[in-house]
């Protein structure tokens, strides 16, 4: 499936903005990157349904941790006004109250929707992130 350079650049920019907003604790900015009816599926958790649930979760998480994310895209594809990307992702969450950082990694898939203005938003997301084991203290 061919993807235009413009679409690929726009999708990569969406995730770069996601990373920037997460690190800046900008929940309002993050919520603009998802569809109103977005659904996110995370291991061992009930589905996160809709923008309000997403915002509540991210306000809680970003209120308690610093958040660093990385993505390595394996594939980006576009089919009309829909697209998807999948790849490897990781996150490091450091408690603001102190304590050891938590790192998780895995693979994820995002289904994207093009809006009328040509921008892309995340409509569905799923990942299989698992907490990485911490090395034993010497």
N, C-alpha and C. Protein backbone atom coordinates (compact mmCIF):
# COMPACT_ATOMS: atom_id res chain seq x y z
N UNK A 1 0.83 -1.17 0.00
CA UNK A 1 0.00 0.00 0.00
C UNK A 1 0.88 1.24 0.00
N UNK A 2 0.77 2.04 -1.00
CA UNK A 2 1.59 3.25 -1.08
C UNK A 2 0.98 4.34 -0.20
N UNK A 3 1.84 5.10 0.39
CA UNK A 3 1.40 6.25 1.18
C UNK A 3 2.14 7.47 0.63
N UNK A 4 1.42 8.56 0.43
CA UNK A 4 2.07 9.75 -0.11
C UNK A 4 3.04 10.31 0.93
N UNK A 5 4.05 11.00 0.43
CA UNK A 5 5.01 11.63 1.34
C UNK A 5 4.31 12.62 2.26
N UNK A 6 3.30 13.35 1.72
CA UNK A 6 2.57 14.31 2.55
C UNK A 6 1.83 13.62 3.68
N UNK A 7 1.14 12.50 3.37
CA UNK A 7 0.42 11.77 4.42
C UNK A 7 1.38 11.18 5.44
N UNK A 8 2.48 10.59 4.97
CA UNK A 8 3.43 10.02 5.91
C UNK A 8 4.01 11.10 6.82
N UNK A 9 4.36 12.24 6.24
CA UNK A 9 4.89 13.34 7.04
C UNK A 9 3.86 13.83 8.05
N UNK A 10 2.60 13.95 7.63
CA UNK A 10 1.54 14.41 8.54
C UNK A 10 1.33 13.42 9.69
N UNK A 11 1.38 12.13 9.40
CA UNK A 11 1.20 11.12 10.45
C UNK A 11 2.39 11.12 11.40
N UNK A 12 3.59 11.20 10.87
CA UNK A 12 4.76 11.29 11.75
C UNK A 12 4.70 12.56 12.61
N UNK A 13 4.22 13.65 12.02
CA UNK A 13 4.09 14.90 12.77
C UNK A 13 3.06 14.78 13.89
N UNK A 14 1.98 14.04 13.63
CA UNK A 14 0.97 13.80 14.66
C UNK A 14 1.60 13.15 15.88
N UNK A 15 2.42 12.13 15.65
CA UNK A 15 3.03 11.43 16.78
C UNK A 15 4.16 12.25 17.42
N UNK A 16 4.83 13.09 16.65
CA UNK A 16 5.82 14.00 17.24
C UNK A 16 5.11 15.01 18.15
N UNK A 17 3.95 15.49 17.72
CA UNK A 17 3.17 16.41 18.54
C UNK A 17 2.66 15.70 19.79
N UNK A 18 2.26 14.43 19.66
CA UNK A 18 1.82 13.63 20.82
C UNK A 18 2.94 13.57 21.85
N UNK A 19 4.15 13.27 21.39
CA UNK A 19 5.28 13.18 22.29
C UNK A 19 5.53 14.52 22.97
N UNK A 20 5.53 15.61 22.19
CA UNK A 20 5.76 16.94 22.74
C UNK A 20 4.71 17.29 23.78
N UNK A 21 3.43 17.05 23.46
CA UNK A 21 2.35 17.38 24.39
C UNK A 21 2.42 16.53 25.65
N UNK A 22 2.76 15.26 25.52
CA UNK A 22 2.90 14.40 26.71
C UNK A 22 4.00 14.91 27.62
N UNK A 23 5.14 15.21 27.03
CA UNK A 23 6.27 15.67 27.84
C UNK A 23 5.99 17.04 28.46
N UNK A 24 5.15 17.85 27.80
CA UNK A 24 4.79 19.17 28.33
C UNK A 24 3.59 19.11 29.26
N UNK A 25 3.02 17.92 29.46
CA UNK A 25 1.83 17.73 30.30
C UNK A 25 0.64 18.54 29.77
N UNK A 26 0.54 18.64 28.46
CA UNK A 26 -0.48 19.42 27.77
C UNK A 26 -1.65 18.51 27.37
N UNK A 27 -2.54 18.24 28.33
CA UNK A 27 -3.67 17.34 28.07
C UNK A 27 -4.60 17.92 27.01
N UNK A 28 -4.81 19.22 27.03
CA UNK A 28 -5.67 19.84 26.02
C UNK A 28 -5.07 19.65 24.63
N UNK A 29 -3.77 19.80 24.51
CA UNK A 29 -3.11 19.57 23.23
C UNK A 29 -3.22 18.12 22.79
N UNK A 30 -3.05 17.19 23.73
CA UNK A 30 -3.19 15.76 23.42
C UNK A 30 -4.60 15.44 22.94
N UNK A 31 -5.60 16.00 23.60
CA UNK A 31 -6.98 15.65 23.26
C UNK A 31 -7.35 16.12 21.86
N UNK A 32 -6.66 17.13 21.34
CA UNK A 32 -6.91 17.58 19.96
C UNK A 32 -6.37 16.59 18.93
N UNK A 33 -5.55 15.65 19.38
CA UNK A 33 -4.94 14.68 18.48
C UNK A 33 -5.75 13.39 18.36
N UNK A 34 -6.88 13.32 19.07
CA UNK A 34 -7.70 12.11 19.01
C UNK A 34 -9.10 12.45 18.53
N UNK A 35 -9.75 11.46 17.96
CA UNK A 35 -11.14 11.61 17.52
C UNK A 35 -12.05 11.69 18.74
N UNK A 36 -13.20 12.35 18.57
CA UNK A 36 -14.18 12.44 19.67
C UNK A 36 -14.57 11.07 20.19
N UNK A 37 -14.67 10.10 19.27
CA UNK A 37 -15.12 8.75 19.63
C UNK A 37 -13.97 7.75 19.74
N UNK A 38 -12.77 8.26 20.02
CA UNK A 38 -11.59 7.40 20.10
C UNK A 38 -11.76 6.29 21.13
N UNK A 39 -11.12 5.17 20.85
CA UNK A 39 -11.09 4.05 21.80
C UNK A 39 -9.65 3.56 21.87
N UNK A 40 -9.16 3.41 23.11
CA UNK A 40 -7.82 2.91 23.33
C UNK A 40 -7.90 1.63 24.15
N UNK A 41 -7.12 0.64 23.73
CA UNK A 41 -7.09 -0.66 24.39
C UNK A 41 -5.68 -0.89 24.94
N UNK A 42 -5.59 -1.06 26.25
CA UNK A 42 -4.31 -1.28 26.92
C UNK A 42 -4.38 -2.61 27.66
N UNK A 43 -3.25 -3.29 27.81
CA UNK A 43 -3.25 -4.60 28.46
C UNK A 43 -3.86 -4.57 29.86
N UNK A 44 -4.77 -5.48 30.13
CA UNK A 44 -5.35 -5.64 31.45
C UNK A 44 -6.27 -4.51 31.90
N UNK A 45 -6.66 -3.64 30.99
CA UNK A 45 -7.50 -2.50 31.35
C UNK A 45 -8.78 -2.52 30.51
N UNK A 46 -9.86 -1.98 31.05
CA UNK A 46 -11.07 -1.85 30.21
C UNK A 46 -10.81 -0.81 29.12
N UNK A 47 -11.55 -0.85 28.03
CA UNK A 47 -11.36 0.14 26.97
C UNK A 47 -11.53 1.56 27.49
N UNK A 48 -10.71 2.45 27.00
CA UNK A 48 -10.84 3.87 27.29
C UNK A 48 -11.66 4.43 26.13
N UNK A 49 -12.88 4.84 26.42
CA UNK A 49 -13.83 5.22 25.37
C UNK A 49 -14.10 6.72 25.37
N UNK A 50 -13.71 7.39 24.31
CA UNK A 50 -14.05 8.79 24.12
C UNK A 50 -13.05 9.76 24.70
N UNK A 51 -13.17 10.97 24.23
CA UNK A 51 -12.23 12.03 24.60
C UNK A 51 -12.26 12.33 26.10
N UNK A 52 -13.43 12.37 26.72
CA UNK A 52 -13.51 12.71 28.16
C UNK A 52 -12.78 11.68 29.01
N UNK A 53 -12.94 10.40 28.71
CA UNK A 53 -12.25 9.35 29.47
C UNK A 53 -10.74 9.44 29.26
N UNK A 54 -10.33 9.70 28.03
CA UNK A 54 -8.92 9.87 27.71
C UNK A 54 -8.33 11.04 28.51
N UNK A 55 -9.03 12.18 28.48
CA UNK A 55 -8.54 13.36 29.20
C UNK A 55 -8.42 13.09 30.70
N UNK A 56 -9.41 12.43 31.28
CA UNK A 56 -9.37 12.13 32.71
C UNK A 56 -8.17 11.25 33.05
N UNK A 57 -7.94 10.22 32.25
CA UNK A 57 -6.80 9.33 32.48
C UNK A 57 -5.49 10.09 32.36
N UNK A 58 -5.33 10.86 31.29
CA UNK A 58 -4.07 11.56 31.08
C UNK A 58 -3.86 12.66 32.11
N UNK A 59 -4.89 13.30 32.60
CA UNK A 59 -4.71 14.30 33.67
C UNK A 59 -4.19 13.60 34.93
N UNK A 60 -4.71 12.43 35.20
CA UNK A 60 -4.25 11.67 36.38
C UNK A 60 -2.80 11.23 36.20
N UNK A 61 -2.49 10.61 35.06
CA UNK A 61 -1.14 10.08 34.83
C UNK A 61 -0.11 11.22 34.77
N UNK A 62 -0.41 12.26 33.99
CA UNK A 62 0.55 13.34 33.85
C UNK A 62 0.65 14.20 35.11
N UNK A 63 -0.35 14.11 36.00
CA UNK A 63 -0.27 14.79 37.28
C UNK A 63 0.62 14.07 38.28
N UNK A 64 0.95 12.82 37.99
CA UNK A 64 1.75 12.03 38.92
C UNK A 64 3.13 11.65 38.39
N UNK A 65 3.35 11.78 37.09
CA UNK A 65 4.59 11.31 36.48
C UNK A 65 5.10 12.28 35.43
N UNK A 66 6.42 12.27 35.22
CA UNK A 66 6.94 12.80 33.97
C UNK A 66 6.84 11.65 32.98
N UNK A 67 6.72 11.97 31.73
CA UNK A 67 6.34 10.99 30.72
C UNK A 67 7.26 11.17 29.53
N UNK A 68 7.99 10.14 29.16
CA UNK A 68 8.84 10.17 27.97
C UNK A 68 8.46 8.98 27.09
N UNK A 69 8.12 9.25 25.83
CA UNK A 69 7.71 8.19 24.90
C UNK A 69 8.60 8.18 23.67
N UNK A 70 8.74 7.02 23.10
CA UNK A 70 9.46 6.86 21.83
C UNK A 70 8.67 5.88 20.97
N UNK A 71 8.67 6.14 19.66
CA UNK A 71 8.06 5.24 18.69
C UNK A 71 9.06 4.92 17.60
N UNK A 72 9.03 3.69 17.14
CA UNK A 72 9.75 3.29 15.94
C UNK A 72 8.70 2.70 15.01
N UNK A 73 8.39 3.42 13.95
CA UNK A 73 7.36 2.96 13.03
C UNK A 73 7.88 1.81 12.18
N UNK A 74 7.08 0.77 12.07
CA UNK A 74 7.38 -0.35 11.18
C UNK A 74 6.62 -0.21 9.86
N UNK A 75 5.43 0.42 9.95
CA UNK A 75 4.60 0.56 8.76
C UNK A 75 3.63 1.72 8.95
N UNK A 76 3.45 2.48 7.89
CA UNK A 76 2.43 3.52 7.84
C UNK A 76 1.69 3.31 6.52
N UNK A 77 0.37 3.24 6.57
CA UNK A 77 -0.43 3.04 5.36
C UNK A 77 -1.65 3.94 5.40
N UNK A 78 -2.11 4.34 4.23
CA UNK A 78 -3.29 5.19 4.10
C UNK A 78 -4.22 4.58 3.07
N UNK A 79 -5.51 4.52 3.41
CA UNK A 79 -6.56 4.04 2.52
C UNK A 79 -7.65 5.10 2.50
N UNK A 80 -7.58 6.06 1.60
CA UNK A 80 -8.55 7.14 1.57
C UNK A 80 -8.38 8.03 2.78
N UNK A 81 -9.48 8.20 3.54
CA UNK A 81 -9.45 9.04 4.74
C UNK A 81 -9.15 8.25 6.00
N UNK A 82 -8.69 7.03 5.85
CA UNK A 82 -8.30 6.20 6.99
C UNK A 82 -6.86 5.76 6.79
N UNK A 83 -6.19 5.54 7.88
CA UNK A 83 -4.83 5.06 7.82
C UNK A 83 -4.51 4.29 9.08
N UNK A 84 -3.37 3.67 9.05
CA UNK A 84 -2.91 2.99 10.26
C UNK A 84 -1.39 3.05 10.30
N UNK A 85 -0.89 2.89 11.49
CA UNK A 85 0.54 2.73 11.66
C UNK A 85 0.75 1.77 12.83
N UNK A 86 1.82 1.05 12.73
CA UNK A 86 2.17 0.17 13.84
C UNK A 86 3.68 0.17 13.98
N UNK A 87 4.11 -0.23 15.17
CA UNK A 87 5.54 -0.30 15.42
C UNK A 87 5.82 -0.57 16.88
N UNK A 88 7.04 -0.33 17.24
CA UNK A 88 7.48 -0.54 18.62
C UNK A 88 7.37 0.78 19.37
N UNK A 89 6.95 0.68 20.62
CA UNK A 89 6.87 1.89 21.43
C UNK A 89 7.36 1.60 22.84
N UNK A 90 7.79 2.66 23.49
CA UNK A 90 8.25 2.54 24.87
C UNK A 90 7.91 3.82 25.61
N UNK A 91 7.80 3.69 26.90
CA UNK A 91 7.51 4.84 27.75
C UNK A 91 8.31 4.69 29.04
N UNK A 92 8.79 5.82 29.52
CA UNK A 92 9.41 5.88 30.84
C UNK A 92 8.61 6.88 31.65
N UNK A 93 8.08 6.42 32.78
CA UNK A 93 7.27 7.26 33.66
C UNK A 93 8.03 7.41 34.98
N UNK A 94 8.38 8.64 35.31
CA UNK A 94 9.11 8.92 36.53
C UNK A 94 8.18 9.61 37.51
N UNK A 95 7.97 9.02 38.71
CA UNK A 95 7.04 9.62 39.68
C UNK A 95 7.51 11.00 40.12
N UNK A 96 6.60 11.96 40.10
CA UNK A 96 6.92 13.30 40.56
C UNK A 96 7.21 13.32 42.05
N UNK A 97 6.63 12.38 42.79
CA UNK A 97 6.82 12.31 44.24
C UNK A 97 8.12 11.61 44.61
N UNK A 98 8.90 11.18 43.62
CA UNK A 98 10.14 10.46 43.89
C UNK A 98 9.93 8.97 43.74
N UNK A 99 11.02 8.27 43.67
CA UNK A 99 10.96 6.83 43.50
C UNK A 99 11.48 6.43 42.13
N UNK A 100 11.59 5.13 41.93
CA UNK A 100 12.16 4.66 40.67
C UNK A 100 11.23 4.88 39.48
N UNK A 101 11.83 5.12 38.34
CA UNK A 101 11.08 5.27 37.10
C UNK A 101 10.52 3.90 36.69
N UNK A 102 9.40 3.94 36.02
CA UNK A 102 8.78 2.73 35.48
C UNK A 102 8.94 2.80 33.97
N UNK A 103 9.46 1.74 33.40
CA UNK A 103 9.64 1.69 31.95
C UNK A 103 8.83 0.51 31.41
N UNK A 104 8.12 0.77 30.31
CA UNK A 104 7.35 -0.28 29.64
C UNK A 104 7.61 -0.18 28.15
N UNK A 105 7.52 -1.31 27.48
CA UNK A 105 7.72 -1.31 26.03
C UNK A 105 6.90 -2.43 25.41
N UNK A 106 6.71 -2.33 24.12
CA UNK A 106 5.96 -3.33 23.40
C UNK A 106 5.71 -2.88 21.97
N UNK A 107 4.64 -3.36 21.40
CA UNK A 107 4.24 -2.95 20.07
C UNK A 107 2.84 -2.36 20.15
N UNK A 108 2.53 -1.53 19.17
CA UNK A 108 1.22 -0.90 19.16
C UNK A 108 0.73 -0.66 17.75
N UNK A 109 -0.56 -0.46 17.64
CA UNK A 109 -1.22 -0.19 16.37
C UNK A 109 -2.18 0.96 16.58
N UNK A 110 -2.12 1.95 15.70
CA UNK A 110 -3.05 3.07 15.74
C UNK A 110 -3.81 3.13 14.43
N UNK A 111 -5.11 3.33 14.53
CA UNK A 111 -5.95 3.56 13.36
C UNK A 111 -6.26 5.05 13.34
N UNK A 112 -6.02 5.66 12.20
CA UNK A 112 -6.09 7.11 12.07
C UNK A 112 -7.23 7.51 11.14
N UNK A 113 -7.78 8.69 11.38
CA UNK A 113 -8.84 9.23 10.53
C UNK A 113 -8.44 10.63 10.07
N UNK A 114 -8.62 10.87 8.76
CA UNK A 114 -8.35 12.21 8.22
C UNK A 114 -9.60 13.07 8.43
N UNK A 115 -9.40 14.26 8.96
CA UNK A 115 -10.50 15.19 9.15
C UNK A 115 -10.72 16.01 7.89
N UNK A 116 -11.81 16.76 7.86
CA UNK A 116 -12.16 17.57 6.70
C UNK A 116 -11.10 18.59 6.32
N UNK A 117 -10.31 19.05 7.31
CA UNK A 117 -9.26 20.04 7.01
C UNK A 117 -7.96 19.38 6.56
N UNK A 118 -7.96 18.03 6.44
CA UNK A 118 -6.78 17.32 5.98
C UNK A 118 -5.88 16.82 7.10
N UNK A 119 -6.13 17.25 8.34
CA UNK A 119 -5.31 16.79 9.46
C UNK A 119 -5.72 15.37 9.85
N UNK A 120 -4.84 14.70 10.58
CA UNK A 120 -5.08 13.33 11.03
C UNK A 120 -5.28 13.32 12.54
N UNK A 121 -6.15 12.40 13.01
CA UNK A 121 -6.34 12.16 14.44
C UNK A 121 -6.31 10.66 14.68
N UNK A 122 -6.01 10.28 15.91
CA UNK A 122 -6.04 8.87 16.29
C UNK A 122 -7.49 8.51 16.63
N UNK A 123 -8.01 7.49 15.94
CA UNK A 123 -9.37 7.04 16.19
C UNK A 123 -9.40 5.79 17.07
N UNK A 124 -8.41 4.93 16.93
CA UNK A 124 -8.32 3.70 17.72
C UNK A 124 -6.85 3.43 18.00
N UNK A 125 -6.59 2.87 19.16
CA UNK A 125 -5.22 2.51 19.49
C UNK A 125 -5.20 1.27 20.36
N UNK A 126 -4.21 0.44 20.14
CA UNK A 126 -4.04 -0.75 20.96
C UNK A 126 -2.54 -0.98 21.13
N UNK A 127 -2.16 -1.43 22.31
CA UNK A 127 -0.75 -1.78 22.51
C UNK A 127 -0.66 -2.97 23.45
N UNK A 128 0.50 -3.60 23.42
CA UNK A 128 0.74 -4.72 24.31
C UNK A 128 1.93 -4.44 25.22
N UNK A 129 2.06 -3.18 25.60
CA UNK A 129 3.19 -2.80 26.45
C UNK A 129 3.21 -3.62 27.73
N UNK A 130 4.41 -3.96 28.13
CA UNK A 130 4.61 -4.66 29.40
C UNK A 130 5.73 -3.95 30.16
N UNK A 131 5.59 -3.91 31.47
CA UNK A 131 6.62 -3.29 32.30
C UNK A 131 7.90 -4.09 32.15
N UNK A 132 8.99 -3.36 31.97
CA UNK A 132 10.29 -4.01 31.89
C UNK A 132 10.79 -4.26 33.31
N UNK A 133 11.48 -5.35 33.50
CA UNK A 133 12.00 -5.65 34.82
C UNK A 133 13.18 -4.74 35.10
N UNK A 134 13.25 -4.30 36.32
CA UNK A 134 14.33 -3.43 36.73
C UNK A 134 15.51 -4.29 37.18
N UNK A 135 16.72 -3.90 36.83
CA UNK A 135 17.88 -4.68 37.30
C UNK A 135 17.99 -4.61 38.82
N UNK A 136 18.46 -5.68 39.40
CA UNK A 136 18.62 -5.73 40.85
C UNK A 136 19.67 -4.73 41.28
N UNK A 137 19.44 -4.11 42.43
CA UNK A 137 20.42 -3.16 42.98
C UNK A 137 21.67 -3.89 43.40
N UNK A 138 22.84 -3.29 43.19
CA UNK A 138 24.12 -3.97 43.58
C UNK A 138 24.24 -4.11 45.07
